[in-house]
Amino acid sequence: MPKTLPERIFFTIVMAAIMVYGMIVYNVALNTNGVTNATFVMALHEMPIMVPVAFVLEFFVVEKLATKLAFLFMRPTDRPQFITYAISLMIVCIMCPVMSLVATLLFKEPSFGMWVHTWGCNMPMALCWQMLYCGPLARAIFRLVFRRGEKQAM
């Protein structure tokens, strides 16, 4: 996983873009009562706003906080795979309410009830999307771009 600043930046951009796109598609589908080909195109319109917000939040605030929270119940000696899952879960638990608030303020009638409703609708999807698809895909892309420990063929 990322060890240098450029690697962290790259990984966070990839993760934020995939996660945000999936969640926007989900929310557009909720708002239009279904998924059509147009849903995937409509979701692209919010990307320039939501991806930078997600990147800044995750890179500068959430990643550090999520790691601290994960190590409240994980040990450094636990399997790295489980540590990764724990950190991912904590990131979702922080990012989902915050990004739901941002989306509520920008794209809906802002109210406490609307934020709670948006958060409640998004949380199950965010957990599934992150753990089953987005996280593994982002890590696979990272491993393709930043190959480590492979011997160069001569």
C-alpha atoms as a PDB file:
ATOM      1  CA  MET A   1       0.000   0.000   0.000  1.00  0.00           C
ATOM      2  CA  PRO A   2       1.105   3.645  -0.300  1.00  0.00           C
ATOM      3  CA  LYS A   3       4.376   4.473   1.417  1.00  0.00           C
ATOM      4  CA  THR A   4       5.460   7.753  -0.195  1.00  0.00           C
ATOM      5  CA  LEU A   5       3.616  11.049  -0.596  1.00  0.00           C
ATOM      6  CA  PRO A   6       3.104  10.639  -4.381  1.00  0.00           C
ATOM      7  CA  GLU A   7       1.785   7.106  -3.794  1.00  0.00           C
ATOM      8  CA  ARG A   8      -0.611   8.360  -1.110  1.00  0.00           C
ATOM      9  CA  ILE A   9      -1.859  11.122  -3.393  1.00  0.00           C
ATOM     10  CA  PHE A  10      -2.366   8.717  -6.309  1.00  0.00           C
ATOM     11  CA  PHE A  11      -4.132   6.115  -4.167  1.00  0.00           C
ATOM     12  CA  THR A  12      -6.420   8.677  -2.547  1.00  0.00           C
ATOM     13  CA  ILE A  13      -7.376  10.172  -5.923  1.00  0.00           C
ATOM     14  CA  VAL A  14      -8.195   6.726  -7.342  1.00  0.00           C
ATOM     15  CA  MET A  15     -10.132   5.670  -4.243  1.00  0.00           C
ATOM     16  CA  ALA A  16     -12.051   8.951  -4.032  1.00  0.00           C
ATOM     17  CA  ALA A  17     -12.954   8.919  -7.734  1.00  0.00           C
ATOM     18  CA  ILE A  18     -14.228   5.327  -7.713  1.00  0.00           C
ATOM     19  CA  MET A  19     -16.052   5.681  -4.412  1.00  0.00           C
ATOM     20  CA  VAL A  20     -17.665   9.013  -5.284  1.00  0.00           C
ATOM     21  CA  TYR A  21     -18.752   7.882  -8.743  1.00  0.00           C
ATOM     22  CA  GLY A  22     -20.388   4.748  -7.352  1.00  0.00           C
ATOM     23  CA  MET A  23     -22.203   6.678  -4.655  1.00  0.00           C
ATOM     24  CA  ILE A  24     -23.369   9.380  -7.072  1.00  0.00           C
ATOM     25  CA  VAL A  25     -24.732   6.709  -9.430  1.00  0.00           C
ATOM     26  CA  TYR A  26     -26.569   5.199  -6.458  1.00  0.00           C
ATOM     27  CA  ASN A  27     -28.037   8.543  -5.393  1.00  0.00           C
ATOM     28  CA  VAL A  28     -29.053   9.492  -8.936  1.00  0.00           C
ATOM     29  CA  ALA A  29     -30.775   6.106  -9.230  1.00  0.00           C
ATOM     30  CA  LEU A  30     -32.605   6.755  -5.942  1.00  0.00           C
ATOM     31  CA  ASN A  31     -33.681  10.207  -7.108  1.00  0.00           C
ATOM     32  CA  THR A  32     -34.849   9.016 -10.559  1.00  0.00           C
ATOM     33  CA  ASN A  33     -36.475   5.801  -9.302  1.00  0.00           C
ATOM     34  CA  GLY A  34     -34.219   3.435 -11.207  1.00  0.00           C
ATOM     35  CA  VAL A  35     -31.081   2.867 -13.212  1.00  0.00           C
ATOM     36  CA  THR A  36     -30.893   3.616 -16.914  1.00  0.00           C
ATOM     37  CA  ASN A  37     -27.965   4.305 -19.221  1.00  0.00           C
ATOM     38  CA  ALA A  38     -28.546   8.010 -18.543  1.00  0.00           C
ATOM     39  CA  THR A  39     -27.960   7.440 -14.816  1.00  0.00           C
ATOM     40  CA  PHE A  40     -24.263   6.785 -15.440  1.00  0.00           C
ATOM     41  CA  VAL A  41     -23.917   9.952 -17.514  1.00  0.00           C
ATOM     42  CA  MET A  42     -25.889  12.105 -15.054  1.00  0.00           C
ATOM     43  CA  ALA A  43     -23.575  10.962 -12.267  1.00  0.00           C
ATOM     44  CA  LEU A  44     -20.585  12.445 -14.094  1.00  0.00           C
ATOM     45  CA  HIS A  45     -21.948  15.980 -13.616  1.00  0.00           C
ATOM     46  CA  GLU A  46     -21.376  15.926  -9.848  1.00  0.00           C
ATOM     47  CA  MET A  47     -17.896  14.383 -10.057  1.00  0.00           C
ATOM     48  CA  PRO A  48     -15.960  17.677 -10.478  1.00  0.00           C
ATOM     49  CA  ILE A  49     -17.501  18.923  -7.235  1.00  0.00           C
ATOM     50  CA  MET A  50     -17.572  15.808  -5.070  1.00  0.00           C
ATOM     51  CA  VAL A  51     -14.227  14.140  -5.931  1.00  0.00           C
ATOM     52  CA  PRO A  52     -12.086  17.107  -4.785  1.00  0.00           C
ATOM     53  CA  VAL A  53     -14.169  17.397  -1.597  1.00  0.00           C
ATOM     54  CA  ALA A  54     -13.720  13.678  -0.896  1.00  0.00           C
ATOM     55  CA  PHE A  55      -9.999  13.830  -1.695  1.00  0.00           C
ATOM     56  CA  VAL A  56      -9.317  16.773   0.633  1.00  0.00           C
ATOM     57  CA  LEU A  57     -11.361  15.281   3.479  1.00  0.00           C
ATOM     58  CA  GLU A  58      -9.829  11.825   3.213  1.00  0.00           C
ATOM     59  CA  PHE A  59      -6.246  12.906   2.592  1.00  0.00           C
ATOM     60  CA  PHE A  60      -5.982  15.599   5.248  1.00  0.00           C
ATOM     61  CA  VAL A  61      -8.396  14.495   7.987  1.00  0.00           C
ATOM     62  CA  VAL A  62     -10.175  11.164   7.688  1.00  0.00           C
ATOM     63  CA  GLU A  63      -7.296   8.801   6.886  1.00  0.00           C
ATOM     64  CA  LYS A  64      -5.395   9.702  10.061  1.00  0.00           C
ATOM     65  CA  LEU A  65      -8.507   9.620  12.230  1.00  0.00           C
ATOM     66  CA  ALA A  66      -9.726   6.333  10.724  1.00  0.00           C
ATOM     67  CA  THR A  67      -6.341   4.712  11.299  1.00  0.00           C
ATOM     68  CA  LYS A  68      -6.362   5.790  14.958  1.00  0.00           C
ATOM     69  CA  LEU A  69      -9.901   4.459  15.388  1.00  0.00           C
ATOM     70  CA  ALA A  70      -9.055   1.154  13.690  1.00  0.00           C
ATOM     71  CA  PHE A  71      -6.143   0.608  16.063  1.00  0.00           C
ATOM     72  CA  LEU A  72      -8.473   0.944  19.027  1.00  0.00           C
ATOM     73  CA  PHE A  73      -9.605  -2.608  18.236  1.00  0.00           C
ATOM     74  CA  MET A  74      -6.796  -3.878  15.973  1.00  0.00           C
ATOM     75  CA  ARG A  75      -3.195  -4.631  16.911  1.00  0.00           C
ATOM     76  CA  PRO A  76      -0.158  -3.918  14.734  1.00  0.00           C
ATOM     77  CA  THR A  77       0.560  -7.661  14.844  1.00  0.00           C
ATOM     78  CA  ASP A  78      -2.808  -8.546  13.255  1.00  0.00           C
ATOM     79  CA  ARG A  79      -2.873  -9.680   9.641  1.00  0.00           C
ATOM     80  CA  PRO A  80      -2.296  -6.673   7.331  1.00  0.00           C
ATOM     81  CA  GLN A  81      -5.389  -7.625   5.322  1.00  0.00           C
ATOM     82  CA  PHE A  82      -7.610  -7.293   8.402  1.00  0.00           C
ATOM     83  CA  ILE A  83      -5.964  -4.005   9.362  1.00  0.00           C
ATOM     84  CA  THR A  84      -6.759  -2.720   5.862  1.00  0.00           C
ATOM     85  CA  TYR A  85     -10.396  -3.818   6.244  1.00  0.00           C
ATOM     86  CA  ALA A  86     -10.664  -2.149   9.657  1.00  0.00           C
ATOM     87  CA  ILE A  87      -9.263   1.136   8.351  1.00  0.00           C
ATOM     88  CA  SER A  88     -11.596   0.972   5.330  1.00  0.00           C
ATOM     89  CA  LEU A  89     -14.590   0.444   7.616  1.00  0.00           C
ATOM     90  CA  MET A  90     -13.590   3.411   9.765  1.00  0.00           C
ATOM     91  CA  ILE A  91     -13.119   5.593   6.674  1.00  0.00           C
ATOM     92  CA  VAL A  92     -16.662   4.755   5.539  1.00  0.00           C
ATOM     93  CA  CYS A  93     -18.033   5.417   9.026  1.00  0.00           C
ATOM     94  CA  ILE A  94     -16.521   8.922   8.919  1.00  0.00           C
ATOM     95  CA  MET A  95     -16.803   9.800   5.228  1.00  0.00           C
ATOM     96  CA  CYS A  96     -20.403   8.677   4.721  1.00  0.00           C
ATOM     97  CA  PRO A  97     -22.038  11.133   7.137  1.00  0.00           C
ATOM     98  CA  VAL A  98     -19.720  13.956   6.084  1.00  0.00           C
ATOM     99  CA  MET A  99     -20.186  13.426   2.334  1.00  0.00           C
ATOM    100  CA  SER A 100     -23.934  12.959   2.879  1.00  0.00           C
ATOM    101  CA  LEU A 101     -23.943  16.348   4.605  1.00  0.00           C
ATOM    102  CA  VAL A 102     -22.038  17.943   1.717  1.00  0.00           C
ATOM    103  CA  ALA A 103     -24.429  16.402  -0.828  1.00  0.00           C
ATOM    104  CA  THR A 104     -27.454  17.486   1.210  1.00  0.00           C
ATOM    105  CA  LEU A 105     -26.191  21.069   1.393  1.00  0.00           C
ATOM    106  CA  LEU A 106     -25.292  21.244  -2.305  1.00  0.00           C
ATOM    107  CA  PHE A 107     -27.957  19.193  -4.064  1.00  0.00           C
ATOM    108  CA  LYS A 108     -31.013  18.888  -1.793  1.00  0.00           C
ATOM    109  CA  GLU A 109     -33.264  20.943   0.474  1.00  0.00           C
ATOM    110  CA  PRO A 110     -30.869  21.327   3.410  1.00  0.00           C
ATOM    111  CA  SER A 111     -32.308  20.225   6.741  1.00  0.00           C
ATOM    112  CA  PHE A 112     -31.267  17.965   9.579  1.00  0.00           C
ATOM    113  CA  GLY A 113     -33.919  15.422   8.596  1.00  0.00           C
ATOM    114  CA  MET A 114     -32.802  15.379   4.949  1.00  0.00           C
ATOM    115  CA  TRP A 115     -29.184  14.851   6.033  1.00  0.00           C
ATOM    116  CA  VAL A 116     -30.119  11.955   8.334  1.00  0.00           C
ATOM    117  CA  HIS A 117     -32.255  10.424   5.563  1.00  0.00           C
ATOM    118  CA  THR A 118     -29.434  10.783   3.009  1.00  0.00           C
ATOM    119  CA  TRP A 119     -26.897   9.346   5.443  1.00  0.00           C
ATOM    120  CA  GLY A 120     -29.205   6.442   6.295  1.00  0.00           C
ATOM    121  CA  CYS A 121     -29.784   5.602   2.640  1.00  0.00           C
ATOM    122  CA  ASN A 122     -26.082   5.920   1.780  1.00  0.00           C
ATOM    123  CA  MET A 123     -24.486   4.017   4.671  1.00  0.00           C
ATOM    124  CA  PRO A 124     -25.391   0.443   3.656  1.00  0.00           C
ATOM    125  CA  MET A 125     -24.415   1.099   0.040  1.00  0.00           C
ATOM    126  CA  ALA A 126     -21.183   2.868   1.021  1.00  0.00           C
ATOM    127  CA  LEU A 127     -20.121  -0.076   3.202  1.00  0.00           C
ATOM    128  CA  CYS A 128     -20.874  -2.657   0.515  1.00  0.00           C
ATOM    129  CA  TRP A 129     -19.403  -0.572  -2.319  1.00  0.00           C
ATOM    130  CA  GLN A 130     -16.192   0.110  -0.372  1.00  0.00           C
ATOM    131  CA  MET A 131     -15.588  -3.375   1.008  1.00  0.00           C
ATOM    132  CA  LEU A 132     -16.650  -5.453  -1.994  1.00  0.00           C
ATOM    133  CA  TYR A 133     -15.798  -3.368  -5.064  1.00  0.00           C
ATOM    134  CA  CYS A 134     -14.197   0.034  -4.660  1.00  0.00           C
ATOM    135  CA  GLY A 135     -11.497  -0.908  -2.151  1.00  0.00           C
ATOM    136  CA  PRO A 136     -10.313  -4.041  -3.963  1.00  0.00           C
ATOM    137  CA  LEU A 137     -10.384  -2.251  -7.342  1.00  0.00           C
ATOM    138  CA  ALA A 138      -8.448   0.776  -6.057  1.00  0.00           C
ATOM    139  CA  ARG A 139      -5.841  -1.483  -4.433  1.00  0.00           C
ATOM    140  CA  ALA A 140      -5.520  -3.531  -7.646  1.00  0.00           C
ATOM    141  CA  ILE A 141      -4.989  -0.364  -9.694  1.00  0.00           C
ATOM    142  CA  PHE A 142      -2.408   0.817  -7.165  1.00  0.00           C
ATOM    143  CA  ARG A 143      -0.543  -2.508  -7.355  1.00  0.00           C
ATOM    144  CA  LEU A 144      -0.528  -2.328 -11.171  1.00  0.00           C
ATOM    145  CA  VAL A 145       0.943   1.174 -11.170  1.00  0.00           C
ATOM    146  CA  PHE A 146       3.352   0.784  -8.242  1.00  0.00           C
ATOM    147  CA  ARG A 147       4.843  -2.672  -8.539  1.00  0.00           C
ATOM    148  CA  ARG A 148       7.121  -3.516  -5.634  1.00  0.00           C
ATOM    149  CA  GLY A 149       9.503  -6.319  -4.921  1.00  0.00           C
ATOM    150  CA  GLU A 150       9.468  -7.766  -8.426  1.00  0.00           C
ATOM    151  CA  LYS A 151      12.786  -8.739  -9.928  1.00  0.00           C
ATOM    152  CA  GLN A 152      13.512  -7.073 -13.225  1.00  0.00           C
ATOM    153  CA  ALA A 153      13.887  -9.544 -16.095  1.00  0.00           C
ATOM    154  CA  MET A 154      17.089  -9.069 -18.021  1.00  0.00           C
END
